[in-house]
Amino acid sequence: MSGIRVRTRTAVTVLALAAVTVPAATAHAGARWSAADLTGVGHAALTGVTRVDGDTTWAYGVKVRQEGKVQPRTPLLLARDDDERSWREIPMPAFADRANQISSIDAVSQEDAWAVGLYEESRGAFLTQHWDGTEWRVVDAPAPEGIRLAGAGLLDVSARTSDDVWAVGWLIVVDSEVPNPDKPGGTIQETHAEAMLQHWDGEAWHLVPVPDAASLWTYSVTALADDDVWVSGYTLDDRPAMLHYDGSSWSRVPVPYDGVNGELTDLEARGPNDVWAAGRKLVDDEDPGHALLAHWDGRSWKQVPTPPTPVA
């Protein structure tokens, strides 16, 4: 890969602790985090949490088993209703290869949800999964034709309605491959990274052209309407980037910030004039990173002050 730094969502190993989220509509001064015993799940990692509806929370990630000398990985989905004290596991089908870690889940309702993850080379497709209220079903999302991939994946999904779902991710495209003179049978690849967008229209997933895809790394997506979709990430030279869809085309929208480098890795929308983006900025070449927060007020993006303490 050339010129761009790859960052993926970090998984946190689960021993016996999970977070319970409180939706904004019902949050109050007494809301707090609480611990839950997940020792029965076994060796696993949670990578995210989503609110399915007003009563139910899902936490998702990957479960790892030991079978002889191998460690099979399978998707992990835990659910809990507000009136329950314990989490229950919802079975999910595993993919053929080891790319079984869920990157993101979003739900229209308890009967309509989507999960996304990595590209499966053996099938030449991104294997998303759809929940119909009873079971999960694997649905192929297409890979670009006419190119060879050294790696790829979907990082985030935003399910607005049953026929309007957006997913964003990344591609590592092989530009050339030559024999490695220092390793018989091996090769040396020249690659580059590209941003990727996919859209579900109620029938199938479709690749959507990204403006200047080879200059971007897309990380998060949130859809507010069929003509109001935001995508965040960073550029080839490691600067925060924001894309907006107005129903007919995508455009780049500037996000001011006071760092030398940075990324916007997460989005949260409360309405068309109230969109938040979070990530990291670097104030100099030696900086381990500081929090970066930006807000859309319906007219422009503005940086929001954050504590000066560095973050890992």
Protein backbone atom coordinates (compact mmCIF):
# COMPACT_ATOMS: atom_id res chain seq x y z
CA MET A 1 0.00 0.00 0.00
CA SER A 2 1.31 3.44 -0.81
CA GLY A 3 0.87 6.82 0.78
CA ILE A 4 -2.01 6.21 3.16
CA ARG A 5 -2.07 4.98 6.73
CA VAL A 6 -4.59 2.25 7.38
CA ARG A 7 -6.55 2.34 10.61
CA THR A 8 -9.24 -0.11 11.62
CA ARG A 9 -11.67 -0.19 14.50
CA THR A 10 -10.00 -1.53 17.63
CA ALA A 11 -11.60 -4.50 19.37
CA VAL A 12 -11.64 -4.58 23.16
CA THR A 13 -11.35 -8.00 24.77
CA VAL A 14 -14.37 -8.85 26.86
CA LEU A 15 -13.79 -10.52 30.19
CA ALA A 16 -16.88 -9.72 32.22
CA LEU A 17 -17.93 -6.22 31.34
CA ALA A 18 -20.31 -4.61 28.87
CA ALA A 19 -21.73 -1.13 28.44
CA VAL A 20 -25.42 -0.32 28.40
CA THR A 21 -26.41 2.64 26.24
CA VAL A 22 -29.19 5.11 26.99
CA PRO A 23 -30.89 6.78 23.99
CA ALA A 24 -30.91 10.58 23.95
CA ALA A 25 -34.68 10.72 24.11
CA THR A 26 -34.74 8.98 27.49
CA ALA A 27 -31.39 10.02 28.94
CA HIS A 28 -31.49 11.86 32.24
CA ALA A 29 -29.20 13.00 35.01
CA GLY A 30 -29.42 9.64 36.77
CA ALA A 31 -28.29 7.62 33.73
CA ARG A 32 -25.03 5.74 34.31
CA TRP A 33 -22.89 2.89 33.05
CA SER A 34 -23.43 -0.52 34.61
CA ALA A 35 -21.45 -3.75 34.51
CA ALA A 36 -22.76 -7.08 33.22
CA ASP A 37 -21.26 -10.53 33.69
CA LEU A 38 -20.42 -12.03 30.26
CA THR A 39 -18.19 -14.87 31.42
CA GLY A 40 -20.57 -17.37 29.80
CA VAL A 41 -19.77 -16.00 26.36
CA GLY A 42 -16.22 -17.38 26.45
CA HIS A 43 -13.23 -15.86 24.64
CA ALA A 44 -14.59 -12.95 22.66
CA ALA A 45 -14.23 -9.28 21.79
CA LEU A 46 -16.93 -6.67 21.43
CA THR A 47 -16.40 -4.07 18.71
CA GLY A 48 -19.60 -2.03 18.96
CA VAL A 49 -23.06 -1.47 20.37
CA THR A 50 -26.29 -0.23 18.81
CA ARG A 51 -29.77 0.65 20.02
CA VAL A 52 -32.28 -1.43 18.03
CA ASP A 53 -35.40 0.32 19.32
CA GLY A 54 -36.68 1.97 22.48
CA ASP A 55 -36.32 -1.21 24.52
CA THR A 56 -33.47 -3.29 23.08
CA THR A 57 -29.70 -2.96 22.85
CA TRP A 58 -27.36 -5.11 20.76
CA ALA A 59 -23.62 -5.56 21.36
CA TYR A 60 -21.56 -7.25 18.66
CA GLY A 61 -18.08 -8.52 17.88
CA VAL A 62 -16.32 -11.83 17.41
CA LYS A 63 -16.03 -15.08 19.37
CA VAL A 64 -12.81 -17.13 19.30
CA ARG A 65 -12.67 -20.88 20.00
CA GLN A 66 -9.70 -23.21 20.36
CA GLU A 67 -9.92 -26.34 18.21
CA GLY A 68 -6.60 -28.14 18.30
CA LYS A 69 -4.00 -25.82 16.81
CA VAL A 70 -6.50 -23.49 15.16
CA GLN A 71 -8.71 -20.76 16.58
CA PRO A 72 -11.95 -20.44 14.56
CA ARG A 73 -13.61 -17.03 14.71
CA THR A 74 -17.38 -16.65 14.50
CA PRO A 75 -19.62 -13.55 14.64
CA LEU A 76 -20.94 -12.65 18.08
CA LEU A 77 -24.21 -10.82 18.74
CA LEU A 78 -25.62 -10.20 22.22
CA ALA A 79 -29.02 -8.67 22.97
CA ARG A 80 -30.63 -7.24 26.08
CA ASP A 81 -34.02 -5.68 26.71
CA ASP A 82 -34.26 -2.88 29.26
CA ASP A 83 -36.31 -5.01 31.64
CA GLU A 84 -33.77 -7.86 31.56
CA ARG A 85 -30.69 -8.21 33.73
CA SER A 86 -28.71 -10.55 31.47
CA TRP A 87 -27.57 -10.60 27.86
CA ARG A 88 -28.64 -13.35 25.45
CA GLU A 89 -26.78 -14.50 22.35
CA ILE A 90 -28.44 -14.34 18.93
CA PRO A 91 -26.92 -16.92 16.51
CA MET A 92 -25.30 -15.60 13.36
CA PRO A 93 -23.97 -17.66 10.40
CA ALA A 94 -20.19 -17.74 10.02
CA PHE A 95 -18.44 -16.95 6.77
CA ALA A 96 -16.26 -19.49 4.96
CA ASP A 97 -12.92 -17.86 5.74
CA ARG A 98 -11.66 -16.20 8.92
CA ALA A 99 -13.20 -12.78 8.19
CA ASN A 100 -15.90 -13.24 10.80
CA GLN A 101 -15.55 -10.11 12.89
CA ILE A 102 -18.51 -7.75 12.57
CA SER A 103 -17.48 -4.16 11.84
CA SER A 104 -20.88 -2.54 12.37
CA ILE A 105 -24.60 -3.22 12.85
CA ASP A 106 -27.48 -0.83 12.35
CA ALA A 107 -31.21 -1.50 12.58
CA VAL A 108 -34.36 -0.02 11.10
CA SER A 109 -36.31 -2.03 13.67
CA GLN A 110 -36.16 -5.35 15.54
CA GLU A 111 -37.32 -7.00 12.31
CA ASP A 112 -34.92 -5.24 9.93
CA ALA A 113 -31.19 -4.89 10.60
CA TRP A 114 -27.89 -5.12 8.73
CA ALA A 115 -24.40 -6.26 9.75
CA VAL A 116 -21.25 -5.63 7.70
CA GLY A 117 -17.69 -6.90 7.83
CA LEU A 118 -14.70 -7.87 5.72
CA TYR A 119 -14.32 -8.95 2.10
CA GLU A 120 -14.27 -12.71 1.52
CA GLU A 121 -11.77 -13.48 -1.22
CA SER A 122 -13.00 -17.02 -1.88
CA ARG A 123 -16.42 -15.68 -2.91
CA GLY A 124 -15.26 -12.40 -4.40
CA ALA A 125 -17.83 -10.46 -2.39
CA PHE A 126 -18.45 -8.56 0.80
CA LEU A 127 -20.66 -10.74 2.95
CA THR A 128 -23.21 -8.58 4.68
CA GLN A 129 -25.93 -10.13 6.82
CA HIS A 130 -29.61 -9.18 7.11
CA TRP A 131 -31.87 -9.77 10.14
CA ASP A 132 -35.59 -10.26 9.45
CA GLY A 133 -36.68 -10.56 13.07
CA THR A 134 -36.21 -14.32 13.15
CA GLU A 135 -32.82 -15.16 11.69
CA TRP A 136 -29.74 -13.72 10.00
CA ARG A 137 -29.20 -14.34 6.27
CA VAL A 138 -25.92 -13.78 4.41
CA VAL A 139 -26.26 -11.37 1.47
CA ASP A 140 -23.41 -10.76 -0.97
CA ALA A 141 -22.37 -7.17 -1.67
CA PRO A 142 -20.42 -6.81 -4.93
CA ALA A 143 -16.70 -6.19 -5.23
CA PRO A 144 -15.44 -3.91 -8.00
CA GLU A 145 -14.93 -5.69 -11.30
CA GLY A 146 -11.73 -5.68 -13.31
CA ILE A 147 -9.35 -5.14 -10.39
CA ARG A 148 -7.49 -7.39 -7.97
CA LEU A 149 -7.79 -6.79 -4.25
CA ALA A 150 -5.12 -7.37 -1.62
CA GLY A 151 -7.67 -6.67 1.09
CA ALA A 152 -10.96 -4.88 1.61
CA GLY A 153 -13.75 -4.42 4.11
CA LEU A 154 -16.88 -2.58 5.14
CA LEU A 155 -16.42 -0.48 8.30
CA ASP A 156 -19.83 1.07 8.95
CA VAL A 157 -23.50 0.79 7.96
CA SER A 158 -26.47 3.15 8.31
CA ALA A 159 -29.92 1.61 7.86
CA ARG A 160 -32.50 4.37 7.39
CA THR A 161 -35.35 2.35 5.84
CA SER A 162 -35.78 -1.14 4.44
CA ASP A 163 -34.84 0.13 0.95
CA ASP A 164 -32.27 2.78 1.88
CA VAL A 165 -29.15 1.41 3.56
CA TRP A 166 -25.62 2.76 3.12
CA ALA A 167 -22.30 1.08 3.90
CA VAL A 168 -18.77 2.47 3.68
CA GLY A 169 -15.40 0.76 3.60
CA TRP A 170 -12.00 0.41 2.02
CA LEU A 171 -10.19 -1.32 -0.82
CA ILE A 172 -6.52 -2.21 -1.21
CA VAL A 173 -6.07 -2.44 -4.99
CA VAL A 174 -3.16 -4.35 -6.53
CA ASP A 175 -1.46 -2.20 -9.18
CA SER A 176 1.32 -4.63 -10.08
CA GLU A 177 2.89 -7.86 -8.91
CA VAL A 178 6.36 -9.21 -9.69
CA PRO A 179 8.36 -12.21 -8.45
CA ASN A 180 10.29 -11.66 -5.23
CA PRO A 181 13.98 -12.41 -5.96
CA ASP A 182 14.67 -12.96 -2.25
CA LYS A 183 11.80 -15.42 -1.71
CA PRO A 184 11.32 -18.24 -4.23
CA GLY A 185 7.64 -18.50 -5.11
CA GLY A 186 6.87 -15.19 -3.45
CA THR A 187 5.84 -11.92 -5.05
CA ILE A 188 6.15 -8.19 -4.45
CA GLN A 189 2.95 -6.18 -4.80
CA GLU A 190 2.47 -2.49 -5.46
CA THR A 191 -0.91 -1.38 -4.11
CA HIS A 192 -2.99 1.68 -3.36
CA ALA A 193 -5.98 2.32 -1.09
CA GLU A 194 -9.41 3.50 -2.22
CA ALA A 195 -12.63 4.53 -0.51
CA MET A 196 -15.77 2.48 -1.14
CA LEU A 197 -19.51 3.13 -0.87
CA GLN A 198 -22.32 0.59 -1.18
CA HIS A 199 -26.09 1.15 -1.24
CA TRP A 200 -28.96 -1.28 -0.59
CA ASP A 201 -32.10 -0.38 -2.52
CA GLY A 202 -34.38 -3.04 -1.10
CA GLU A 203 -33.37 -5.65 -3.67
CA ALA A 204 -29.56 -5.72 -3.84
CA TRP A 205 -26.34 -3.96 -2.87
CA HIS A 206 -24.80 -1.66 -5.48
CA LEU A 207 -21.38 -0.03 -5.62
CA VAL A 208 -21.62 3.77 -5.66
CA PRO A 209 -18.86 5.89 -7.27
CA VAL A 210 -16.86 7.91 -4.75
CA PRO A 211 -15.39 11.28 -5.83
CA ASP A 212 -11.59 10.99 -5.87
CA ALA A 213 -11.82 7.54 -4.29
CA ALA A 214 -8.04 6.96 -4.44
CA SER A 215 -7.46 10.04 -2.25
CA LEU A 216 -9.81 9.01 0.57
CA TRP A 217 -10.32 6.47 3.31
CA THR A 218 -14.01 6.31 4.27
CA TYR A 219 -14.78 5.32 7.84
CA SER A 220 -18.31 6.16 8.99
CA VAL A 221 -21.73 6.87 7.44
CA THR A 222 -25.06 8.23 8.67
CA ALA A 223 -28.17 8.62 6.53
CA LEU A 224 -30.83 11.13 7.60
CA ALA A 225 -32.93 11.15 4.41
CA ASP A 226 -32.73 9.94 0.83
CA ASP A 227 -31.13 13.28 -0.03
CA ASP A 228 -29.08 13.79 3.14
CA VAL A 229 -26.24 11.32 3.79
CA TRP A 230 -22.88 12.03 5.46
CA VAL A 231 -19.64 10.04 5.21
CA SER A 232 -16.51 10.79 7.22
CA GLY A 233 -12.90 9.64 6.99
CA TYR A 234 -9.55 11.10 6.01
CA THR A 235 -7.50 11.94 2.94
CA LEU A 236 -4.41 10.47 1.36
CA ASP A 237 -2.27 13.02 3.19
CA ASP A 238 -4.03 12.23 6.50
CA ARG A 239 -6.43 15.13 6.88
CA PRO A 240 -10.06 14.95 8.06
CA ALA A 241 -12.52 14.47 5.20
CA MET A 242 -16.29 14.73 4.90
CA LEU A 243 -18.58 13.76 2.01
CA HIS A 244 -22.24 14.68 1.59
CA TYR A 245 -24.94 13.20 -0.66
CA ASP A 246 -27.80 15.48 -1.73
CA GLY A 247 -29.89 12.87 -3.50
CA SER A 248 -28.14 13.17 -6.86
CA SER A 249 -24.37 13.46 -6.27
CA TRP A 250 -21.61 13.35 -3.68
CA SER A 251 -19.48 16.36 -2.79
CA ARG A 252 -16.60 17.15 -0.44
CA VAL A 253 -17.47 19.45 2.48
CA PRO A 254 -14.64 21.20 4.35
CA VAL A 255 -14.17 20.56 8.07
CA PRO A 256 -11.91 23.12 9.82
CA TYR A 257 -9.50 21.87 12.46
CA ASP A 258 -6.36 23.12 14.17
CA GLY A 259 -4.08 20.10 13.71
CA VAL A 260 -1.46 19.17 11.14
CA ASN A 261 -3.06 15.76 10.50
CA GLY A 262 -6.19 13.97 11.61
CA GLU A 263 -9.12 11.66 10.92
CA LEU A 264 -12.87 11.67 11.48
CA THR A 265 -13.81 8.11 12.37
CA ASP A 266 -17.36 8.30 13.70
CA LEU A 267 -20.62 10.14 12.97
CA GLU A 268 -23.81 10.69 14.97
CA ALA A 269 -26.82 12.60 13.63
CA ARG A 270 -29.68 13.98 15.73
CA GLY A 271 -31.26 15.81 12.79
CA PRO A 272 -30.37 17.55 9.52
CA ASN A 273 -28.96 20.55 11.39
CA ASP A 274 -27.37 18.61 14.24
CA VAL A 275 -24.65 16.21 13.07
CA TRP A 276 -21.55 15.34 15.09
CA ALA A 277 -18.23 13.92 13.91
CA ALA A 278 -15.51 12.55 16.17
CA GLY A 279 -11.95 11.45 15.58
CA ARG A 280 -8.36 12.37 16.26
CA LYS A 281 -5.99 15.19 15.38
CA LEU A 282 -2.21 15.48 15.56
CA VAL A 283 -0.84 18.87 16.57
CA ASP A 284 2.73 18.02 15.46
CA ASP A 285 4.78 15.09 14.16
CA GLU A 286 5.49 13.80 17.67
CA ASP A 287 1.90 14.02 18.92
CA PRO A 288 0.27 10.67 19.90
CA GLY A 289 -3.09 12.26 19.13
CA HIS A 290 -5.76 14.53 20.61
CA ALA A 291 -9.54 14.28 20.45
CA LEU A 292 -11.15 15.95 17.44
CA LEU A 293 -14.83 16.89 17.54
CA ALA A 294 -16.81 18.76 14.88
CA HIS A 295 -20.46 19.84 14.56
CA TRP A 296 -22.72 20.54 11.55
CA ASP A 297 -25.36 23.19 12.24
CA GLY A 298 -27.06 23.05 8.85
CA ARG A 299 -24.74 25.63 7.30
CA SER A 300 -21.16 24.58 7.97
CA TRP A 301 -18.89 22.32 10.00
CA LYS A 302 -17.17 23.85 13.02
CA GLN A 303 -14.56 22.39 15.32
CA VAL A 304 -15.75 21.96 18.91
CA PRO A 305 -13.18 22.48 21.72
CA THR A 306 -12.13 19.30 23.55
CA PRO A 307 -9.91 18.68 26.60
CA PRO A 308 -6.20 19.16 25.74
CA THR A 309 -5.19 15.79 27.18
CA PRO A 310 -3.56 13.53 24.53
CA VAL A 311 -5.37 10.31 23.62
CA ALA A 312 -3.81 7.00 22.59
